[in-house]
């Protein structure tokens, strides 16, 4: 199972396993490239230390999870309170076949998503949901990203958008339907041009929110 996990993470996330402790070379960690935070830790642990029947060692993987998920799943076979990690935010999964590989991969994906989650990422994800032919206000994007009060953060994120083609920030306007500054999207009138290419009518630097708003 350990080799399967390493292959899965390498192929899906492009992340190589690390062995940070010379004293424990069998312990394997995986860190998100975005922030160098762990999202999975594989290690052998004695069955006795885990409170399991039998003797000898068993491989486990520690993954991050939402507290409500942990409270529901920790009593299921193959799942345990986190070993040597914060039990409110981490979960230990047995890698002895008790839990299927598919379920282990799901836990790893959830852990990775939690580790890499941040407001800017959620803002970009929200903007990508605005359909062609529609616009959203900064406040609407903030709400879609999980916090209606971070409209200013939305503006800051949109002006630093690293993927203009994939994240259509030009579809975001203010609460009155007004477009951003002249040079916000690469030049004078660029936002209006892109909106008009989407089939949205722009009059005097404004969009009719009743007609085009999501």
C-alpha atoms as a PDB file:
ATOM      1  CA  UNK A   1       0.000   0.000   0.000  1.00  0.00           C
ATOM      2  CA  UNK A   2       2.860   2.372   0.751  1.00  0.00           C
ATOM      3  CA  UNK A   3       4.180   2.022  -2.780  1.00  0.00           C
ATOM      4  CA  UNK A   4       0.672   2.526  -4.192  1.00  0.00           C
ATOM      5  CA  UNK A   5       0.307   5.762  -2.241  1.00  0.00           C
ATOM      6  CA  UNK A   6       3.685   7.062  -3.403  1.00  0.00           C
ATOM      7  CA  UNK A   7       2.766   6.303  -7.015  1.00  0.00           C
ATOM      8  CA  UNK A   8      -0.674   7.922  -6.656  1.00  0.00           C
ATOM      9  CA  UNK A   9       0.700  11.136  -5.166  1.00  0.00           C
ATOM     10  CA  UNK A  10       3.533  11.302  -7.685  1.00  0.00           C
ATOM     11  CA  UNK A  11       1.204  10.871 -10.678  1.00  0.00           C
ATOM     12  CA  UNK A  12      -1.625  13.129  -9.436  1.00  0.00           C
ATOM     13  CA  UNK A  13       0.271  15.914  -7.692  1.00  0.00           C
ATOM     14  CA  UNK A  14       3.819  15.611  -9.025  1.00  0.00           C
ATOM     15  CA  UNK A  15       5.130  15.355  -5.464  1.00  0.00           C
ATOM     16  CA  UNK A  16       7.988  13.076  -4.456  1.00  0.00           C
ATOM     17  CA  UNK A  17       8.177  11.393  -1.050  1.00  0.00           C
ATOM     18  CA  UNK A  18      10.621  12.794   1.504  1.00  0.00           C
ATOM     19  CA  UNK A  19      12.441  11.138   4.397  1.00  0.00           C
ATOM     20  CA  UNK A  20      13.281  14.017   6.761  1.00  0.00           C
ATOM     21  CA  UNK A  21      14.448  11.980   9.770  1.00  0.00           C
ATOM     22  CA  UNK A  22      17.705  10.099   9.402  1.00  0.00           C
ATOM     23  CA  UNK A  23      16.942   8.125  12.539  1.00  0.00           C
ATOM     24  CA  UNK A  24      13.648   6.939  11.014  1.00  0.00           C
ATOM     25  CA  UNK A  25      14.325   6.419   7.299  1.00  0.00           C
ATOM     26  CA  UNK A  26      11.146   4.396   6.876  1.00  0.00           C
ATOM     27  CA  UNK A  27       9.010   7.434   7.783  1.00  0.00           C
ATOM     28  CA  UNK A  28       7.789   9.142   4.616  1.00  0.00           C
ATOM     29  CA  UNK A  29       6.283  12.618   4.304  1.00  0.00           C
ATOM     30  CA  UNK A  30       4.556  14.437   1.457  1.00  0.00           C
ATOM     31  CA  UNK A  31       4.427  18.245   1.287  1.00  0.00           C
ATOM     32  CA  UNK A  32       2.302  20.514  -0.882  1.00  0.00           C
ATOM     33  CA  UNK A  33       4.496  22.447  -3.310  1.00  0.00           C
ATOM     34  CA  UNK A  34       2.485  25.639  -2.733  1.00  0.00           C
ATOM     35  CA  UNK A  35       3.319  26.025   0.947  1.00  0.00           C
ATOM     36  CA  UNK A  36       5.605  23.190   2.099  1.00  0.00           C
ATOM     37  CA  UNK A  37       2.932  21.862   4.454  1.00  0.00           C
ATOM     38  CA  UNK A  38       2.514  18.155   5.066  1.00  0.00           C
ATOM     39  CA  UNK A  39      -0.652  16.500   3.843  1.00  0.00           C
ATOM     40  CA  UNK A  40       0.376  12.868   4.388  1.00  0.00           C
ATOM     41  CA  UNK A  41       2.804  11.023   6.650  1.00  0.00           C
ATOM     42  CA  UNK A  42       3.425   7.284   6.314  1.00  0.00           C
ATOM     43  CA  UNK A  43       5.157   5.411   9.112  1.00  0.00           C
ATOM     44  CA  UNK A  44       5.314   1.982  10.740  1.00  0.00           C
ATOM     45  CA  UNK A  45       3.838   1.881  14.237  1.00  0.00           C
ATOM     46  CA  UNK A  46       3.566  -0.993  16.696  1.00  0.00           C
ATOM     47  CA  UNK A  47       0.098  -2.451  16.938  1.00  0.00           C
ATOM     48  CA  UNK A  48       0.407  -2.165  20.714  1.00  0.00           C
ATOM     49  CA  UNK A  49       0.988   1.619  20.501  1.00  0.00           C
ATOM     50  CA  UNK A  50      -2.170   1.938  18.410  1.00  0.00           C
ATOM     51  CA  UNK A  51      -4.209  -0.123  20.857  1.00  0.00           C
ATOM     52  CA  UNK A  52      -4.680  -2.930  18.329  1.00  0.00           C
ATOM     53  CA  UNK A  53      -4.717  -6.637  18.946  1.00  0.00           C
ATOM     54  CA  UNK A  54      -1.689  -8.681  17.968  1.00  0.00           C
ATOM     55  CA  UNK A  55       1.988  -7.874  17.893  1.00  0.00           C
ATOM     56  CA  UNK A  56       4.466  -6.437  15.438  1.00  0.00           C
ATOM     57  CA  UNK A  57       4.366  -3.300  13.300  1.00  0.00           C
ATOM     58  CA  UNK A  58       1.782  -1.956  10.889  1.00  0.00           C
ATOM     59  CA  UNK A  59       2.084   0.845   8.318  1.00  0.00           C
ATOM     60  CA  UNK A  60      -0.268   3.799   8.776  1.00  0.00           C
ATOM     61  CA  UNK A  61      -0.819   7.098   7.014  1.00  0.00           C
ATOM     62  CA  UNK A  62      -1.716  10.269   8.869  1.00  0.00           C
ATOM     63  CA  UNK A  63      -3.869  12.674   6.869  1.00  0.00           C
ATOM     64  CA  UNK A  64      -5.552  15.956   7.667  1.00  0.00           C
ATOM     65  CA  UNK A  65      -9.373  16.015   7.866  1.00  0.00           C
ATOM     66  CA  UNK A  66     -12.214  18.233   8.973  1.00  0.00           C
ATOM     67  CA  UNK A  67     -13.069  17.752  12.676  1.00  0.00           C
ATOM     68  CA  UNK A  68     -16.629  16.728  11.819  1.00  0.00           C
ATOM     69  CA  UNK A  69     -15.336  14.101   9.391  1.00  0.00           C
ATOM     70  CA  UNK A  70     -12.942  12.751  11.989  1.00  0.00           C
ATOM     71  CA  UNK A  71     -15.693  12.462  14.593  1.00  0.00           C
ATOM     72  CA  UNK A  72     -17.839  10.433  12.198  1.00  0.00           C
ATOM     73  CA  UNK A  73     -15.201   8.176  10.676  1.00  0.00           C
ATOM     74  CA  UNK A  74     -12.787   7.524  13.532  1.00  0.00           C
ATOM     75  CA  UNK A  75     -14.888   4.666  14.886  1.00  0.00           C
ATOM     76  CA  UNK A  76     -14.953   2.853  11.529  1.00  0.00           C
ATOM     77  CA  UNK A  77     -12.711  -0.150  11.051  1.00  0.00           C
ATOM     78  CA  UNK A  78      -9.232   0.852   9.924  1.00  0.00           C
ATOM     79  CA  UNK A  79      -9.485   4.443  11.170  1.00  0.00           C
ATOM     80  CA  UNK A  80      -7.927   5.680  14.399  1.00  0.00           C
ATOM     81  CA  UNK A  81      -7.322   8.932  16.278  1.00  0.00           C
ATOM     82  CA  UNK A  82      -4.187  10.542  14.868  1.00  0.00           C
ATOM     83  CA  UNK A  83      -0.991   8.945  16.115  1.00  0.00           C
ATOM     84  CA  UNK A  84       1.431  11.581  17.476  1.00  0.00           C
ATOM     85  CA  UNK A  85      -0.440  14.423  15.740  1.00  0.00           C
ATOM     86  CA  UNK A  86      -3.301  16.771  16.577  1.00  0.00           C
ATOM     87  CA  UNK A  87      -6.299  14.490  16.961  1.00  0.00           C
ATOM     88  CA  UNK A  88      -8.773  17.261  16.206  1.00  0.00           C
ATOM     89  CA  UNK A  89      -7.404  17.889  12.733  1.00  0.00           C
ATOM     90  CA  UNK A  90      -5.561  14.686  11.762  1.00  0.00           C
ATOM     91  CA  UNK A  91      -6.590  11.088  11.272  1.00  0.00           C
ATOM     92  CA  UNK A  92      -4.650   7.821  11.197  1.00  0.00           C
ATOM     93  CA  UNK A  93      -5.545   5.239   8.548  1.00  0.00           C
ATOM     94  CA  UNK A  94      -4.285   1.642   8.651  1.00  0.00           C
ATOM     95  CA  UNK A  95      -2.481   0.466   5.532  1.00  0.00           C
ATOM     96  CA  UNK A  96      -2.871  -3.252   6.185  1.00  0.00           C
ATOM     97  CA  UNK A  97      -5.737  -3.720   3.735  1.00  0.00           C
ATOM     98  CA  UNK A  98      -8.491  -2.958   6.234  1.00  0.00           C
ATOM     99  CA  UNK A  99      -9.220   0.265   4.339  1.00  0.00           C
ATOM    100  CA  UNK A 100      -9.372   0.004   0.549  1.00  0.00           C
ATOM    101  CA  UNK A 101      -6.838   1.828  -1.602  1.00  0.00           C
ATOM    102  CA  UNK A 102      -9.663   3.911  -3.110  1.00  0.00           C
ATOM    103  CA  UNK A 103     -10.718   5.141   0.345  1.00  0.00           C
ATOM    104  CA  UNK A 104      -7.122   5.881   1.301  1.00  0.00           C
ATOM    105  CA  UNK A 105      -6.693   7.945  -1.874  1.00  0.00           C
ATOM    106  CA  UNK A 106      -9.908   9.861  -1.061  1.00  0.00           C
ATOM    107  CA  UNK A 107      -8.564  10.725   2.391  1.00  0.00           C
ATOM    108  CA  UNK A 108      -5.277  11.869   0.834  1.00  0.00           C
ATOM    109  CA  UNK A 109      -7.109  14.067  -1.686  1.00  0.00           C
ATOM    110  CA  UNK A 110      -9.185  15.634   1.101  1.00  0.00           C
ATOM    111  CA  UNK A 111      -6.040  16.239   3.144  1.00  0.00           C
ATOM    112  CA  UNK A 112      -4.283  17.902   0.205  1.00  0.00           C
ATOM    113  CA  UNK A 113      -7.304  20.128  -0.439  1.00  0.00           C
ATOM    114  CA  UNK A 114      -7.364  21.245   3.204  1.00  0.00           C
ATOM    115  CA  UNK A 115      -3.635  21.967   3.294  1.00  0.00           C
ATOM    116  CA  UNK A 116      -3.679  24.041   0.110  1.00  0.00           C
ATOM    117  CA  UNK A 117      -6.948  25.853   0.827  1.00  0.00           C
ATOM    118  CA  UNK A 118      -6.722  29.660   1.107  1.00  0.00           C
ATOM    119  CA  UNK A 119      -9.004  32.638   0.385  1.00  0.00           C
ATOM    120  CA  UNK A 120      -7.268  33.565  -2.880  1.00  0.00           C
ATOM    121  CA  UNK A 121      -7.653  30.045  -4.221  1.00  0.00           C
ATOM    122  CA  UNK A 122     -11.352  30.038  -3.309  1.00  0.00           C
ATOM    123  CA  UNK A 123     -11.811  33.422  -5.006  1.00  0.00           C
ATOM    124  CA  UNK A 124     -10.331  32.159  -8.270  1.00  0.00           C
ATOM    125  CA  UNK A 125     -12.479  29.024  -8.078  1.00  0.00           C
ATOM    126  CA  UNK A 126     -15.573  31.210  -7.586  1.00  0.00           C
ATOM    127  CA  UNK A 127     -14.705  33.426 -10.558  1.00  0.00           C
ATOM    128  CA  UNK A 128     -14.293  30.368 -12.779  1.00  0.00           C
ATOM    129  CA  UNK A 129     -17.915  29.486 -11.996  1.00  0.00           C
ATOM    130  CA  UNK A 130     -19.269  32.699 -13.553  1.00  0.00           C
ATOM    131  CA  UNK A 131     -20.764  31.550 -16.861  1.00  0.00           C
ATOM    132  CA  UNK A 132     -20.120  33.221 -20.187  1.00  0.00           C
ATOM    133  CA  UNK A 133     -22.675  35.973 -20.772  1.00  0.00           C
ATOM    134  CA  UNK A 134     -22.973  36.771 -17.073  1.00  0.00           C
ATOM    135  CA  UNK A 135     -21.193  38.941 -14.520  1.00  0.00           C
ATOM    136  CA  UNK A 136     -20.888  38.839 -10.734  1.00  0.00           C
ATOM    137  CA  UNK A 137     -20.202  41.590  -8.224  1.00  0.00           C
ATOM    138  CA  UNK A 138     -17.237  41.602  -5.849  1.00  0.00           C
ATOM    139  CA  UNK A 139     -19.628  40.861  -3.016  1.00  0.00           C
ATOM    140  CA  UNK A 140     -21.129  37.898  -4.830  1.00  0.00           C
ATOM    141  CA  UNK A 141     -17.693  36.450  -5.534  1.00  0.00           C
ATOM    142  CA  UNK A 142     -16.749  36.947  -1.879  1.00  0.00           C
ATOM    143  CA  UNK A 143     -19.881  35.061  -0.792  1.00  0.00           C
ATOM    144  CA  UNK A 144     -19.192  32.275  -3.288  1.00  0.00           C
ATOM    145  CA  UNK A 145     -15.667  32.049  -1.863  1.00  0.00           C
ATOM    146  CA  UNK A 146     -17.054  31.576   1.640  1.00  0.00           C
ATOM    147  CA  UNK A 147     -16.845  35.035   3.213  1.00  0.00           C
ATOM    148  CA  UNK A 148     -19.232  37.824   2.120  1.00  0.00           C
ATOM    149  CA  UNK A 149     -17.092  40.378   3.969  1.00  0.00           C
ATOM    150  CA  UNK A 150     -13.928  39.957   1.893  1.00  0.00           C
ATOM    151  CA  UNK A 151     -14.911  42.032  -1.149  1.00  0.00           C
ATOM    152  CA  UNK A 152     -11.659  43.998  -0.907  1.00  0.00           C
ATOM    153  CA  UNK A 153      -9.676  40.749  -0.921  1.00  0.00           C
ATOM    154  CA  UNK A 154     -11.538  39.778  -4.095  1.00  0.00           C
ATOM    155  CA  UNK A 155     -10.360  42.962  -5.797  1.00  0.00           C
ATOM    156  CA  UNK A 156      -6.774  42.389  -4.728  1.00  0.00           C
ATOM    157  CA  UNK A 157      -6.826  38.787  -5.930  1.00  0.00           C
ATOM    158  CA  UNK A 158      -8.311  39.665  -9.306  1.00  0.00           C
ATOM    159  CA  UNK A 159      -5.642  42.267 -10.016  1.00  0.00           C
ATOM    160  CA  UNK A 160      -2.966  39.620  -9.334  1.00  0.00           C
ATOM    161  CA  UNK A 161      -4.676  36.891 -11.363  1.00  0.00           C
ATOM    162  CA  UNK A 162      -1.893  34.540 -12.609  1.00  0.00           C
ATOM    163  CA  UNK A 163      -4.191  32.858 -15.162  1.00  0.00           C
ATOM    164  CA  UNK A 164      -6.296  35.468 -17.001  1.00  0.00           C
ATOM    165  CA  UNK A 165      -7.396  32.998 -19.658  1.00  0.00           C
ATOM    166  CA  UNK A 166      -8.540  30.327 -17.227  1.00  0.00           C
ATOM    167  CA  UNK A 167      -9.943  32.664 -14.575  1.00  0.00           C
ATOM    168  CA  UNK A 168     -12.191  35.276 -16.271  1.00  0.00           C
ATOM    169  CA  UNK A 169     -11.778  38.135 -13.806  1.00  0.00           C
ATOM    170  CA  UNK A 170     -13.195  40.577 -16.353  1.00  0.00           C
ATOM    171  CA  UNK A 171     -16.636  39.129 -15.519  1.00  0.00           C
ATOM    172  CA  UNK A 172     -16.509  40.781 -12.080  1.00  0.00           C
ATOM    173  CA  UNK A 173     -17.957  44.286 -11.601  1.00  0.00           C
ATOM    174  CA  UNK A 174     -18.814  46.457  -8.625  1.00  0.00           C
ATOM    175  CA  UNK A 175     -22.188  46.571  -6.865  1.00  0.00           C
ATOM    176  CA  UNK A 176     -23.473  49.162  -9.362  1.00  0.00           C
ATOM    177  CA  UNK A 177     -22.400  47.152 -12.386  1.00  0.00           C
ATOM    178  CA  UNK A 178     -19.468  49.466 -13.057  1.00  0.00           C
ATOM    179  CA  UNK A 179     -16.300  48.176 -14.682  1.00  0.00           C
ATOM    180  CA  UNK A 180     -12.826  48.386 -13.145  1.00  0.00           C
ATOM    181  CA  UNK A 181     -10.160  50.965 -13.931  1.00  0.00           C
ATOM    182  CA  UNK A 182      -8.976  51.449 -17.479  1.00  0.00           C
ATOM    183  CA  UNK A 183      -5.772  49.452 -17.101  1.00  0.00           C
ATOM    184  CA  UNK A 184      -7.032  46.666 -14.847  1.00  0.00           C
ATOM    185  CA  UNK A 185      -7.119  44.145 -17.696  1.00  0.00           C
ATOM    186  CA  UNK A 186      -4.206  45.140 -19.875  1.00  0.00           C
ATOM    187  CA  UNK A 187      -5.292  48.424 -21.447  1.00  0.00           C
ATOM    188  CA  UNK A 188      -7.999  51.035 -21.941  1.00  0.00           C
ATOM    189  CA  UNK A 189     -11.401  49.479 -22.555  1.00  0.00           C
ATOM    190  CA  UNK A 190     -10.069  45.922 -22.402  1.00  0.00           C
ATOM    191  CA  UNK A 191     -12.624  44.741 -19.827  1.00  0.00           C
ATOM    192  CA  UNK A 192     -15.464  46.156 -21.909  1.00  0.00           C
ATOM    193  CA  UNK A 193     -14.123  44.438 -25.031  1.00  0.00           C
ATOM    194  CA  UNK A 194     -13.980  41.078 -23.290  1.00  0.00           C
ATOM    195  CA  UNK A 195     -17.462  41.444 -21.838  1.00  0.00           C
ATOM    196  CA  UNK A 196     -18.874  42.431 -25.223  1.00  0.00           C
ATOM    197  CA  UNK A 197     -17.177  39.392 -26.746  1.00  0.00           C
ATOM    198  CA  UNK A 198     -19.175  37.365 -24.200  1.00  0.00           C
ATOM    199  CA  UNK A 199     -22.372  38.956 -25.492  1.00  0.00           C
ATOM    200  CA  UNK A 200     -22.727  41.428 -22.623  1.00  0.00           C
ATOM    201  CA  UNK A 201     -23.721  44.983 -23.430  1.00  0.00           C
ATOM    202  CA  UNK A 202     -21.639  47.725 -21.813  1.00  0.00           C
ATOM    203  CA  UNK A 203     -23.078  51.245 -21.703  1.00  0.00           C
ATOM    204  CA  UNK A 204     -21.131  54.173 -20.255  1.00  0.00           C
ATOM    205  CA  UNK A 205     -18.793  51.806 -18.426  1.00  0.00           C
ATOM    206  CA  UNK A 206     -21.624  49.869 -16.778  1.00  0.00           C
ATOM    207  CA  UNK A 207     -23.408  46.546 -17.127  1.00  0.00           C
ATOM    208  CA  UNK A 208     -27.099  45.998 -16.417  1.00  0.00           C
ATOM    209  CA  UNK A 209     -27.003  43.703 -13.398  1.00  0.00           C
ATOM    210  CA  UNK A 210     -30.675  42.813 -13.683  1.00  0.00           C
ATOM    211  CA  UNK A 211     -30.045  41.503 -17.174  1.00  0.00           C
ATOM    212  CA  UNK A 212     -26.530  40.085 -16.915  1.00  0.00           C
ATOM    213  CA  UNK A 213     -25.950  39.477 -13.220  1.00  0.00           C
ATOM    214  CA  UNK A 214     -25.786  35.903 -11.963  1.00  0.00           C
END
